[in-house]
C-alpha atoms as a PDB file:
ATOM      1  CA  MET A   1     -63.646  -1.107 -76.776  1.00  0.00           C
ATOM      2  CA  ILE A   2     -60.757   1.154 -75.750  1.00  0.00           C
ATOM      3  CA  SER A   3     -58.887   2.805 -78.579  1.00  0.00           C
ATOM      4  CA  PRO A   4     -55.078   2.464 -78.887  1.00  0.00           C
ATOM      5  CA  GLN A   5     -54.774   5.977 -77.507  1.00  0.00           C
ATOM      6  CA  GLY A   6     -56.850   4.975 -74.504  1.00  0.00           C
ATOM      7  CA  LYS A   7     -54.581   1.996 -73.843  1.00  0.00           C
ATOM      8  CA  LEU A   8     -51.578   4.308 -74.014  1.00  0.00           C
ATOM      9  CA  ALA A   9     -53.204   6.608 -71.490  1.00  0.00           C
ATOM     10  CA  GLN A  10     -53.598   3.660 -69.115  1.00  0.00           C
ATOM     11  CA  ARG A  11     -49.813   3.298 -69.039  1.00  0.00           C
ATOM     12  CA  SER A  12     -49.090   7.034 -68.821  1.00  0.00           C
ATOM     13  CA  LEU A  13     -48.534   9.134 -65.758  1.00  0.00           C
ATOM     14  CA  LEU A  14     -51.402  11.625 -65.615  1.00  0.00           C
ATOM     15  CA  PHE A  15     -51.213  14.693 -63.469  1.00  0.00           C
ATOM     16  CA  LEU A  16     -54.720  14.846 -62.020  1.00  0.00           C
ATOM     17  CA  GLU A  17     -56.300  18.002 -60.705  1.00  0.00           C
ATOM     18  CA  TYR A  18     -58.417  15.965 -58.246  1.00  0.00           C
ATOM     19  CA  SER A  19     -55.851  16.318 -55.447  1.00  0.00           C
ATOM     20  CA  PRO A  20     -52.994  18.654 -54.454  1.00  0.00           C
ATOM     21  CA  HIS A  21     -50.742  15.704 -53.709  1.00  0.00           C
ATOM     22  CA  THR A  22     -47.471  15.745 -55.623  1.00  0.00           C
ATOM     23  CA  ILE A  23     -46.575  12.056 -55.272  1.00  0.00           C
ATOM     24  CA  LEU A  24     -48.975   9.794 -57.091  1.00  0.00           C
ATOM     25  CA  ASP A  25     -49.083   6.050 -57.227  1.00  0.00           C
ATOM     26  CA  LEU A  26     -50.823   4.896 -60.366  1.00  0.00           C
ATOM     27  CA  SER A  27     -52.402   1.477 -60.034  1.00  0.00           C
ATOM     28  CA  TYR A  28     -53.400  -0.431 -63.131  1.00  0.00           C
ATOM     29  CA  ARG A  29     -55.147  -3.358 -61.643  1.00  0.00           C
ATOM     30  CA  ASN A  30     -58.556  -4.280 -62.989  1.00  0.00           C
ATOM     31  CA  SER A  31     -60.056  -1.260 -61.221  1.00  0.00           C
ATOM     32  CA  ARG A  32     -57.549   1.074 -62.945  1.00  0.00           C
ATOM     33  CA  SER A  33     -57.574   3.274 -59.875  1.00  0.00           C
ATOM     34  CA  ILE A  34     -55.201   5.875 -58.557  1.00  0.00           C
ATOM     35  CA  SER A  35     -53.974   6.094 -54.956  1.00  0.00           C
ATOM     36  CA  CYS A  36     -51.842   8.744 -53.273  1.00  0.00           C
ATOM     37  CA  THR A  37     -48.872   7.496 -51.282  1.00  0.00           C
ATOM     38  CA  THR A  38     -48.752  10.773 -49.362  1.00  0.00           C
ATOM     39  CA  CYS A  39     -52.053  10.496 -47.490  1.00  0.00           C
ATOM     40  CA  GLY A  40     -53.163   6.939 -48.278  1.00  0.00           C
ATOM     41  CA  ALA A  41     -56.426   8.038 -49.836  1.00  0.00           C
ATOM     42  CA  ASP A  42     -58.787   5.302 -51.049  1.00  0.00           C
ATOM     43  CA  GLU A  43     -57.522   4.133 -54.392  1.00  0.00           C
ATOM     44  CA  ARG A  44     -61.060   3.783 -55.757  1.00  0.00           C
ATOM     45  CA  SER A  45     -61.943   7.388 -55.028  1.00  0.00           C
ATOM     46  CA  PHE A  46     -60.258   8.503 -58.240  1.00  0.00           C
ATOM     47  CA  ARG A  47     -61.321   5.625 -60.512  1.00  0.00           C
ATOM     48  CA  LEU A  48     -61.237   6.256 -64.213  1.00  0.00           C
ATOM     49  CA  GLN A  49     -63.569   4.348 -66.465  1.00  0.00           C
ATOM     50  CA  GLU A  50     -62.382   3.114 -69.861  1.00  0.00           C
ATOM     51  CA  SER A  51     -64.528   5.606 -71.666  1.00  0.00           C
ATOM     52  CA  THR A  52     -63.069   8.398 -69.539  1.00  0.00           C
ATOM     53  CA  LEU A  53     -59.550   7.310 -70.428  1.00  0.00           C
ATOM     54  CA  ASP A  54     -60.463   7.216 -74.090  1.00  0.00           C
ATOM     55  CA  THR A  55     -61.945  10.719 -73.923  1.00  0.00           C
ATOM     56  CA  ALA A  56     -59.027  12.046 -71.894  1.00  0.00           C
ATOM     57  CA  CYS A  57     -56.607  10.774 -74.499  1.00  0.00           C
ATOM     58  CA  LYS A  58     -58.529  12.372 -77.313  1.00  0.00           C
ATOM     59  CA  LYS A  59     -58.404  15.653 -75.406  1.00  0.00           C
ATOM     60  CA  ALA A  60     -54.620  15.347 -74.783  1.00  0.00           C
ATOM     61  CA  ALA A  61     -54.565  14.597 -71.048  1.00  0.00           C
ATOM     62  CA  ILE A  62     -51.841  16.428 -69.169  1.00  0.00           C
ATOM     63  CA  MET A  63     -48.804  14.270 -68.575  1.00  0.00           C
ATOM     64  CA  ARG A  64     -46.378  15.576 -65.982  1.00  0.00           C
ATOM     65  CA  VAL A  65     -43.881  12.951 -65.042  1.00  0.00           C
ATOM     66  CA  GLY A  66     -41.526  15.541 -63.600  1.00  0.00           C
ATOM     67  CA  ALA A  67     -44.114  16.592 -61.030  1.00  0.00           C
ATOM     68  CA  CYS A  68     -43.789  13.253 -59.223  1.00  0.00           C
ATOM     69  CA  MET A  69     -40.724  12.523 -57.160  1.00  0.00           C
ATOM     70  CA  ILE A  70     -41.318   8.784 -56.952  1.00  0.00           C
ATOM     71  CA  VAL A  71     -43.949   6.816 -58.825  1.00  0.00           C
ATOM     72  CA  HIS A  72     -44.544   3.186 -57.928  1.00  0.00           C
ATOM     73  CA  GLU A  73     -46.614   1.210 -60.408  1.00  0.00           C
ATOM     74  CA  ARG A  74     -48.383  -1.979 -59.362  1.00  0.00           C
ATOM     75  CA  ARG A  75     -49.413  -4.056 -62.332  1.00  0.00           C
ATOM     76  CA  GLY A  76     -52.334  -6.410 -62.638  1.00  0.00           C
ATOM     77  CA  ARG A  77     -51.841 -10.134 -63.155  1.00  0.00           C
ATOM     78  CA  PRO A  78     -51.266 -10.884 -66.852  1.00  0.00           C
ATOM     79  CA  ALA A  79     -53.890 -12.900 -68.729  1.00  0.00           C
ATOM     80  CA  PRO A  80     -53.283 -16.676 -69.168  1.00  0.00           C
ATOM     81  CA  TRP A  81     -51.210 -17.714 -72.157  1.00  0.00           C
ATOM     82  CA  ASP A  82     -54.073 -19.493 -73.883  1.00  0.00           C
ATOM     83  CA  GLU A  83     -56.091 -16.291 -73.862  1.00  0.00           C
ATOM     84  CA  ARG A  84     -53.182 -14.224 -75.179  1.00  0.00           C
ATOM     85  CA  LYS A  85     -52.466 -16.870 -77.811  1.00  0.00           C
ATOM     86  CA  ARG A  86     -56.024 -16.755 -79.106  1.00  0.00           C
ATOM     87  CA  ALA A  87     -55.780 -12.984 -79.307  1.00  0.00           C
ATOM     88  CA  ALA A  88     -52.926 -13.262 -81.820  1.00  0.00           C
ATOM     89  CA  THR A  89     -54.435 -12.675 -85.257  1.00  0.00           C
ATOM     90  CA  TYR A  90     -51.592 -14.215 -87.277  1.00  0.00           C
ATOM     91  CA  ARG A  91     -49.173 -17.040 -86.505  1.00  0.00           C
ATOM     92  CA  TRP A  92     -46.135 -14.883 -87.212  1.00  0.00           C
ATOM     93  CA  MET A  93     -47.221 -12.666 -84.300  1.00  0.00           C
ATOM     94  CA  LEU A  94     -46.938 -15.500 -81.747  1.00  0.00           C
ATOM     95  CA  PRO A  95     -43.186 -15.033 -80.987  1.00  0.00           C
ATOM     96  CA  PHE A  96     -43.714 -11.328 -80.335  1.00  0.00           C
ATOM     97  CA  THR A  97     -46.822 -12.016 -78.254  1.00  0.00           C
ATOM     98  CA  ALA A  98     -44.933 -14.605 -76.206  1.00  0.00           C
ATOM     99  CA  LEU A  99     -42.070 -12.187 -75.650  1.00  0.00           C
ATOM    100  CA  GLU A 100     -44.405  -9.423 -74.521  1.00  0.00           C
ATOM    101  CA  TRP A 101     -46.349 -11.851 -72.277  1.00  0.00           C
ATOM    102  CA  THR A 102     -43.078 -12.979 -70.663  1.00  0.00           C
ATOM    103  CA  TRP A 103     -42.047  -9.418 -69.915  1.00  0.00           C
ATOM    104  CA  GLU A 104     -45.500  -8.708 -68.489  1.00  0.00           C
ATOM    105  CA  TRP A 105     -45.045 -11.538 -65.996  1.00  0.00           C
ATOM    106  CA  ILE A 106     -41.585 -10.235 -65.056  1.00  0.00           C
ATOM    107  CA  ALA A 107     -42.965  -6.725 -64.588  1.00  0.00           C
ATOM    108  CA  PHE A 108     -45.853  -8.119 -62.524  1.00  0.00           C
ATOM    109  CA  ALA A 109     -43.465 -10.035 -60.254  1.00  0.00           C
ATOM    110  CA  LEU A 110     -41.192  -7.033 -59.741  1.00  0.00           C
ATOM    111  CA  SER A 111     -44.068  -4.620 -59.104  1.00  0.00           C
ATOM    112  CA  SER A 112     -45.195  -6.688 -56.134  1.00  0.00           C
ATOM    113  CA  TRP A 113     -41.674  -7.026 -54.725  1.00  0.00           C
ATOM    114  CA  THR A 114     -41.478  -4.940 -51.543  1.00  0.00           C
ATOM    115  CA  PHE A 115     -37.694  -4.786 -51.802  1.00  0.00           C
ATOM    116  CA  LEU A 116     -38.014  -2.413 -54.749  1.00  0.00           C
ATOM    117  CA  GLU A 117     -40.077  -0.030 -52.616  1.00  0.00           C
ATOM    118  CA  VAL A 118     -37.318  -0.168 -49.992  1.00  0.00           C
ATOM    119  CA  LEU A 119     -34.801   0.737 -52.681  1.00  0.00           C
ATOM    120  CA  GLU A 120     -36.945   3.708 -53.668  1.00  0.00           C
ATOM    121  CA  HIS A 121     -36.895   5.008 -50.107  1.00  0.00           C
ATOM    122  CA  LEU A 122     -33.169   4.362 -49.880  1.00  0.00           C
ATOM    123  CA  GLY A 123     -32.755   6.384 -53.050  1.00  0.00           C
ATOM    124  CA  ARG A 124     -34.502   9.322 -51.412  1.00  0.00           C
ATOM    125  CA  PHE A 125     -32.395   8.845 -48.290  1.00  0.00           C
ATOM    126  CA  SER A 126     -29.181   8.850 -50.342  1.00  0.00           C
ATOM    127  CA  VAL A 127     -30.163  12.221 -51.814  1.00  0.00           C
ATOM    128  CA  LEU A 128     -30.638  13.570 -48.291  1.00  0.00           C
ATOM    129  CA  VAL A 129     -27.260  12.194 -47.251  1.00  0.00           C
ATOM    130  CA  GLY A 130     -25.681  13.801 -50.310  1.00  0.00           C
ATOM    131  CA  VAL A 131     -27.162  17.187 -49.419  1.00  0.00           C
ATOM    132  CA  ILE A 132     -25.927  16.881 -45.830  1.00  0.00           C
ATOM    133  CA  LEU A 133     -22.421  15.936 -46.987  1.00  0.00           C
ATOM    134  CA  TYR A 134     -22.406  18.822 -49.473  1.00  0.00           C
ATOM    135  CA  PHE A 135     -23.057  21.384 -46.750  1.00  0.00           C
ATOM    136  CA  SER A 136     -20.820  19.680 -44.192  1.00  0.00           C
ATOM    137  CA  GLU A 137     -17.891  19.924 -46.612  1.00  0.00           C
ATOM    138  CA  ALA A 138     -18.540  23.582 -47.472  1.00  0.00           C
ATOM    139  CA  GLY A 139     -15.706  24.723 -45.204  1.00  0.00           C
ATOM    140  CA  ASP A 140     -13.221  22.394 -46.919  1.00  0.00           C
ATOM    141  CA  ARG A 141     -14.225  23.713 -50.330  1.00  0.00           C
ATOM    142  CA  VAL A 142     -13.668  27.302 -49.181  1.00  0.00           C
ATOM    143  CA  LYS A 143     -10.222  26.365 -47.859  1.00  0.00           C
ATOM    144  CA  GLN A 144      -9.383  24.669 -51.129  1.00  0.00           C
ATOM    145  CA  ARG A 145     -10.470  27.762 -53.060  1.00  0.00           C
ATOM    146  CA  HIS A 146      -8.292  29.974 -50.863  1.00  0.00           C
ATOM    147  CA  TYR A 147      -5.342  27.615 -51.269  1.00  0.00           C
ATOM    148  CA  GLN A 148      -5.627  27.770 -55.046  1.00  0.00           C
ATOM    149  CA  ALA A 149      -5.896  31.585 -54.976  1.00  0.00           C
ATOM    150  CA  TRP A 150      -2.725  31.840 -52.883  1.00  0.00           C
ATOM    151  CA  GLN A 151      -0.993  29.483 -55.296  1.00  0.00           C
ATOM    152  CA  VAL A 152      -1.797  31.848 -58.174  1.00  0.00           C
ATOM    153  CA  VAL A 153      -0.465  34.847 -56.229  1.00  0.00           C
ATOM    154  CA  ASN A 154       2.718  33.151 -55.039  1.00  0.00           C
ATOM    155  CA  THR A 155       3.523  31.464 -58.340  1.00  0.00           C
ATOM    156  CA  ALA A 156       3.509  34.817 -60.165  1.00  0.00           C
ATOM    157  CA  GLN A 157       5.619  36.508 -57.487  1.00  0.00           C
ATOM    158  CA  GLY A 158       8.168  38.933 -58.941  1.00  0.00           C
ATOM    159  CA  LYS A 159       6.824  38.515 -62.476  1.00  0.00           C
ATOM    160  CA  GLY A 160       5.229  41.101 -64.730  1.00  0.00           C
ATOM    161  CA  GLY A 161       1.701  40.804 -66.037  1.00  0.00           C
ATOM    162  CA  SER A 162      -1.394  39.858 -64.099  1.00  0.00           C
ATOM    163  CA  GLY A 163      -1.079  36.074 -64.070  1.00  0.00           C
ATOM    164  CA  GLY A 164      -4.555  35.783 -62.603  1.00  0.00           C
ATOM    165  CA  ARG A 165      -3.535  37.700 -59.494  1.00  0.00           C
ATOM    166  CA  ILE A 166      -6.262  40.325 -59.813  1.00  0.00           C
ATOM    167  CA  GLU A 167      -9.047  37.752 -59.548  1.00  0.00           C
ATOM    168  CA  ALA A 168      -7.195  35.776 -56.875  1.00  0.00           C
ATOM    169  CA  LEU A 169      -6.586  38.816 -54.654  1.00  0.00           C
ATOM    170  CA  GLN A 170     -10.147  40.067 -55.052  1.00  0.00           C
ATOM    171  CA  GLU A 171     -11.563  36.642 -54.179  1.00  0.00           C
ATOM    172  CA  LEU A 172      -9.411  36.362 -51.062  1.00  0.00           C
ATOM    173  CA  ASN A 173     -10.355  39.854 -49.947  1.00  0.00           C
ATOM    174  CA  ALA A 174     -14.060  39.192 -50.595  1.00  0.00           C
ATOM    175  CA  ASP A 175     -13.783  36.257 -48.172  1.00  0.00           C
ATOM    176  CA  LYS A 176     -12.134  38.559 -45.596  1.00  0.00           C
ATOM    177  CA  VAL A 177      -8.789  36.772 -45.824  1.00  0.00           C
ATOM    178  CA  PRO A 178      -5.934  38.989 -44.537  1.00  0.00           C
ATOM    179  CA  LEU A 179      -3.418  39.781 -47.286  1.00  0.00           C
ATOM    180  CA  VAL A 180      -0.623  40.554 -44.831  1.00  0.00           C
ATOM    181  CA  GLY A 181       2.822  40.386 -46.458  1.00  0.00           C
ATOM    182  CA  VAL A 182       1.525  39.661 -49.976  1.00  0.00           C
ATOM    183  CA  ASP A 183       4.155  40.241 -52.673  1.00  0.00           C
ATOM    184  CA  VAL A 184       2.857  41.478 -56.045  1.00  0.00           C
ATOM    185  CA  SER A 185       5.847  43.607 -56.956  1.00  0.00           C
ATOM    186  CA  SER A 186       6.102  44.552 -60.650  1.00  0.00           C
ATOM    187  CA  GLY A 187       2.630  43.093 -61.265  1.00  0.00           C
ATOM    188  CA  PHE A 188       0.241  44.516 -63.841  1.00  0.00           C
ATOM    189  CA  LEU A 189      -2.795  45.065 -61.631  1.00  0.00           C
ATOM    190  CA  GLN A 190      -4.714  47.888 -63.252  1.00  0.00           C
ATOM    191  CA  GLY A 191      -8.285  48.267 -61.981  1.00  0.00           C
ATOM    192  CA  LEU A 192      -7.690  46.128 -58.878  1.00  0.00           C
ATOM    193  CA  HIS A 193     -10.565  46.312 -56.366  1.00  0.00           C
ATOM    194  CA  LEU A 194      -9.420  45.631 -52.799  1.00  0.00           C
ATOM    195  CA  ARG A 195     -11.594  47.812 -50.608  1.00  0.00           C
ATOM    196  CA  GLU A 196     -10.777  47.522 -46.887  1.00  0.00           C
ATOM    197  CA  ALA A 197      -8.053  44.938 -47.483  1.00  0.00           C
ATOM    198  CA  ASN A 198      -5.440  44.266 -44.812  1.00  0.00           C
ATOM    199  CA  LEU A 199      -2.167  44.767 -46.716  1.00  0.00           C
ATOM    200  CA  LEU A 200       0.148  45.192 -43.751  1.00  0.00           C
ATOM    201  CA  ARG A 201       3.836  44.836 -44.781  1.00  0.00           C
ATOM    202  CA  SER A 202       2.832  44.021 -48.351  1.00  0.00           C
ATOM    203  CA  ASN A 203       5.091  44.593 -51.341  1.00  0.00           C
ATOM    204  CA  PHE A 204       3.592  46.571 -54.232  1.00  0.00           C
ATOM    205  CA  SER A 205       6.864  48.040 -55.462  1.00  0.00           C
ATOM    206  CA  ALA A 206       6.796  48.929 -59.177  1.00  0.00           C
ATOM    207  CA  ALA A 207       3.269  47.493 -59.455  1.00  0.00           C
ATOM    208  CA  ASP A 208       0.867  49.045 -61.960  1.00  0.00           C
ATOM    209  CA  LEU A 209      -2.218  49.951 -59.927  1.00  0.00           C
ATOM    210  CA  ARG A 210      -3.690  52.634 -62.132  1.00  0.00           C
ATOM    211  CA  ASN A 211      -7.407  53.310 -61.566  1.00  0.00           C
ATOM    212  CA  SER A 212      -7.553  50.767 -58.753  1.00  0.00           C
ATOM    213  CA  ASP A 213      -9.954  51.016 -55.826  1.00  0.00           C
ATOM    214  CA  LEU A 214      -7.994  50.658 -52.589  1.00  0.00           C
ATOM    215  CA  THR A 215     -10.405  52.528 -50.333  1.00  0.00           C
ATOM    216  CA  ARG A 216      -9.750  52.047 -46.594  1.00  0.00           C
ATOM    217  CA  CYS A 217      -6.925  49.576 -47.187  1.00  0.00           C
ATOM    218  CA  ASN A 218      -4.258  49.108 -44.552  1.00  0.00           C
ATOM    219  CA  PHE A 219      -0.833  49.739 -46.146  1.00  0.00           C
ATOM    220  CA  THR A 220       0.996  50.098 -42.849  1.00  0.00           C
ATOM    221  CA  LEU A 221       4.740  49.406 -43.376  1.00  0.00           C
ATOM    222  CA  ALA A 222       4.032  48.485 -47.004  1.00  0.00           C
ATOM    223  CA  ASP A 223       6.544  48.869 -49.825  1.00  0.00           C
ATOM    224  CA  LEU A 224       5.012  51.023 -52.598  1.00  0.00           C
ATOM    225  CA  THR A 225       8.228  52.382 -54.088  1.00  0.00           C
ATOM    226  CA  SER A 226       7.809  53.282 -57.776  1.00  0.00           C
ATOM    227  CA  ALA A 227       4.215  52.015 -57.723  1.00  0.00           C
ATOM    228  CA  ASN A 228       1.914  53.522 -60.337  1.00  0.00           C
ATOM    229  CA  LEU A 229      -1.214  54.666 -58.503  1.00  0.00           C
ATOM    230  CA  ARG A 230      -2.270  57.260 -61.033  1.00  0.00           C
ATOM    231  CA  GLY A 231      -6.036  57.875 -60.811  1.00  0.00           C
ATOM    232  CA  ALA A 232      -6.446  55.340 -57.998  1.00  0.00           C
ATOM    233  CA  THR A 233      -9.066  55.688 -55.254  1.00  0.00           C
ATOM    234  CA  LEU A 234      -7.263  55.802 -51.922  1.00  0.00           C
ATOM    235  CA  ASP A 235      -9.860  57.439 -49.702  1.00  0.00           C
ATOM    236  CA  HIS A 236      -9.255  56.848 -45.969  1.00  0.00           C
ATOM    237  CA  THR A 237      -6.406  54.477 -46.782  1.00  0.00           C
ATOM    238  CA  ASN A 238      -3.777  53.940 -44.091  1.00  0.00           C
ATOM    239  CA  PHE A 239      -0.227  54.597 -45.337  1.00  0.00           C
ATOM    240  CA  SER A 240       1.351  54.747 -41.870  1.00  0.00           C
ATOM    241  CA  GLN A 241       5.127  54.234 -42.182  1.00  0.00           C
ATOM    242  CA  ALA A 242       4.661  53.104 -45.789  1.00  0.00           C
ATOM    243  CA  ASP A 243       7.393  53.645 -48.365  1.00  0.00           C
ATOM    244  CA  LEU A 244       5.923  55.692 -51.249  1.00  0.00           C
ATOM    245  CA  ARG A 245       9.193  56.979 -52.679  1.00  0.00           C
ATOM    246  CA  ASN A 246       9.062  57.670 -56.419  1.00  0.00           C
ATOM    247  CA  ALA A 247       5.426  56.521 -56.521  1.00  0.00           C
ATOM    248  CA  ASP A 248       3.036  58.052 -59.051  1.00  0.00           C
ATOM    249  CA  LEU A 249      -0.039  59.385 -57.238  1.00  0.00           C
ATOM    250  CA  ALA A 250      -1.006  61.943 -59.873  1.00  0.00           C
ATOM    251  CA  GLY A 251      -4.766  62.456 -60.098  1.00  0.00           C
ATOM    252  CA  SER A 252      -5.436  60.002 -57.285  1.00  0.00           C
ATOM    253  CA  HIS A 253      -8.148  60.443 -54.668  1.00  0.00           C
ATOM    254  CA  MET A 254      -6.675  60.431 -51.152  1.00  0.00           C
ATOM    255  CA  THR A 255      -9.444  61.979 -49.064  1.00  0.00           C
ATOM    256  CA  GLY A 256      -8.812  61.250 -45.386  1.00  0.00           C
ATOM    257  CA  ALA A 257      -5.682  59.177 -46.089  1.00  0.00           C
ATOM    258  CA  ASP A 258      -3.272  58.659 -43.182  1.00  0.00           C
ATOM    259  CA  LEU A 259       0.313  59.489 -44.201  1.00  0.00           C
ATOM    260  CA  SER A 260       1.808  59.415 -40.711  1.00  0.00           C
ATOM    261  CA  GLY A 261       5.434  58.306 -40.876  1.00  0.00           C
ATOM    262  CA  ALA A 262       5.258  57.738 -44.663  1.00  0.00           C
ATOM    263  CA  HIS A 263       8.176  58.391 -47.017  1.00  0.00           C
ATOM    264  CA  LEU A 264       7.076  60.529 -49.991  1.00  0.00           C
ATOM    265  CA  ASP A 265      10.443  61.408 -51.546  1.00  0.00           C
ATOM    266  CA  GLU A 266      10.194  62.010 -55.319  1.00  0.00           C
ATOM    267  CA  THR A 267       6.485  61.122 -55.213  1.00  0.00           C
ATOM    268  CA  ASP A 268       4.292  62.636 -57.924  1.00  0.00           C
ATOM    269  CA  LEU A 269       1.273  64.224 -56.232  1.00  0.00           C
ATOM    270  CA  ARG A 270       0.145  66.458 -59.071  1.00  0.00           C
ATOM    271  CA  SER A 271      -3.614  67.078 -59.139  1.00  0.00           C
ATOM    272  CA  ALA A 272      -4.132  64.606 -56.300  1.00  0.00           C
ATOM    273  CA  GLU A 273      -7.181  65.051 -54.081  1.00  0.00           C
ATOM    274  CA  LEU A 274      -5.768  65.641 -50.572  1.00  0.00           C
ATOM    275  CA  LYS A 275      -8.814  66.656 -48.569  1.00  0.00           C
ATOM    276  CA  ASP A 276      -8.495  65.905 -44.830  1.00  0.00           C
ATOM    277  CA  ILE A 277      -5.255  63.928 -45.175  1.00  0.00           C
ATOM    278  CA  GLN A 278      -3.217  63.329 -42.016  1.00  0.00           C
ATOM    279  CA  TRP A 279       0.080  64.874 -43.036  1.00  0.00           C
ATOM    280  CA  GLN A 280       1.618  66.396 -39.902  1.00  0.00           C
ATOM    281  CA  GLN A 281       3.843  63.375 -39.211  1.00  0.00           C
ATOM    282  CA  ILE A 282       5.009  62.638 -42.770  1.00  0.00           C
ATOM    283  CA  LYS A 283       8.566  61.303 -42.487  1.00  0.00           C
ATOM    284  CA  SER A 284      10.011  62.879 -45.624  1.00  0.00           C
ATOM    285  CA  ILE A 285       8.743  64.583 -48.781  1.00  0.00           C
ATOM    286  CA  HIS A 286      11.937  65.741 -50.488  1.00  0.00           C
ATOM    287  CA  GLY A 287      11.527  66.092 -54.268  1.00  0.00           C
ATOM    288  CA  ALA A 288       7.798  65.333 -54.242  1.00  0.00           C
ATOM    289  CA  ASN A 289       5.817  67.257 -56.850  1.00  0.00           C
ATOM    290  CA  VAL A 290       2.823  68.994 -55.243  1.00  0.00           C
ATOM    291  CA  ALA A 291       1.759  71.032 -58.272  1.00  0.00           C
ATOM    292  CA  ALA A 292      -2.002  71.661 -58.556  1.00  0.00           C
ATOM    293  CA  VAL A 293      -2.918  69.434 -55.614  1.00  0.00           C
ATOM    294  CA  ARG A 294      -6.611  69.734 -54.790  1.00  0.00           C
ATOM    295  CA  ASN A 295      -8.197  70.606 -51.465  1.00  0.00           C
ATOM    296  CA  ALA A 296      -4.947  70.260 -49.556  1.00  0.00           C
ATOM    297  CA  PRO A 297      -5.251  70.948 -45.821  1.00  0.00           C
ATOM    298  CA  PRO A 298      -4.185  74.416 -44.726  1.00  0.00           C
ATOM    299  CA  GLY A 299      -0.421  74.690 -44.415  1.00  0.00           C
ATOM    300  CA  PHE A 300       0.392  71.408 -46.198  1.00  0.00           C
ATOM    301  CA  VAL A 301       1.728  72.828 -49.463  1.00  0.00           C
ATOM    302  CA  GLU A 302       3.817  75.457 -47.665  1.00  0.00           C
ATOM    303  CA  TRP A 303       5.256  72.815 -45.341  1.00  0.00           C
ATOM    304  CA  ALA A 304       5.987  70.462 -48.234  1.00  0.00           C
ATOM    305  CA  LEU A 305       7.818  73.135 -50.257  1.00  0.00           C
ATOM    306  CA  LYS A 306       9.775  74.128 -47.187  1.00  0.00           C
ATOM    307  CA  ASN A 307      10.853  70.497 -46.728  1.00  0.00           C
ATOM    308  CA  GLY A 308      12.140  69.927 -50.238  1.00  0.00           C
ATOM    309  CA  ALA A 309       8.976  69.359 -52.315  1.00  0.00           C
ATOM    310  CA  VAL A 310       8.647  71.042 -55.695  1.00  0.00           C
ATOM    311  CA  ASP A 311       5.851  72.729 -57.634  1.00  0.00           C
ATOM    312  CA  GLN A 312       6.444  71.765 -61.267  1.00  0.00           C
ATOM    313  CA  PRO A 313       3.194  71.348 -63.267  1.00  0.00           C
ATOM    314  CA  ASN A 314       5.053  70.547 -66.497  1.00  0.00           C
ATOM    315  CA  ALA A 315       7.546  68.086 -65.102  1.00  0.00           C
ATOM    316  CA  PRO A 316       7.913  64.855 -67.122  1.00  0.00           C
ATOM    317  CA  GLN A 317       5.727  62.023 -65.942  1.00  0.00           C
END
């Protein structure tokens, strides 16, 4: 006689090592056999005897429901009522036995209903459709993300503080969105990372950009008046015709920067790294402080002082 644990094992989903198939169909007809819906293997080839089930239960058979994507269970025909009634030991058990017997018949009827199998396949198909729709709408989600980022930038226009603009600008730039004409004037944007951003005609006037990384950015015709770029990385950045008047570039790194046509009046260039800058066509540099500039190209400092720049290491910041 099968123990209660053995009976439980009959109703459990057992992950069997007999086959590499991942989708199992457990059949609990009188043969208590197992068939694979993937290859249609003979359902009797993996038959488990009652004693085997009992032993497997005692040894804690491996139960891996999650390993199966779809499991379809076909139940055997329930025993006649008279037989189930005689099996009831006490009269007070009859209502519960009748209830269980009724549900067994319902389960038996549903297990043989082909429509349920169709629904299972439709369920798998709906997942596939969902995946296809997810990827087909990827472009719309990117557009929505960009729209929200621009909203953050534009809503905070002309206001102090960050207002989420640092993250918004970095996200747009990471997606290669041109930032032409962006206005972040007076914004607190310390530590901004916008490498290789297209900032043509942008407005960064009075913005706090200390310690930002603006390597290879395009600031052509940009407004950077009174911007704080102290300690910023500006290597190979294009400042062609940009307005840098009264900007703080002290201690910044400007290796290879293009200053053609730029206005540098009253700009603080103290201790700035100026290696290989393109300076010959600077528009104006009157009042700029060039004290202790590093690696300046030959002739730059002399030209700057001749054109109104100053060398004042102790000037107020």
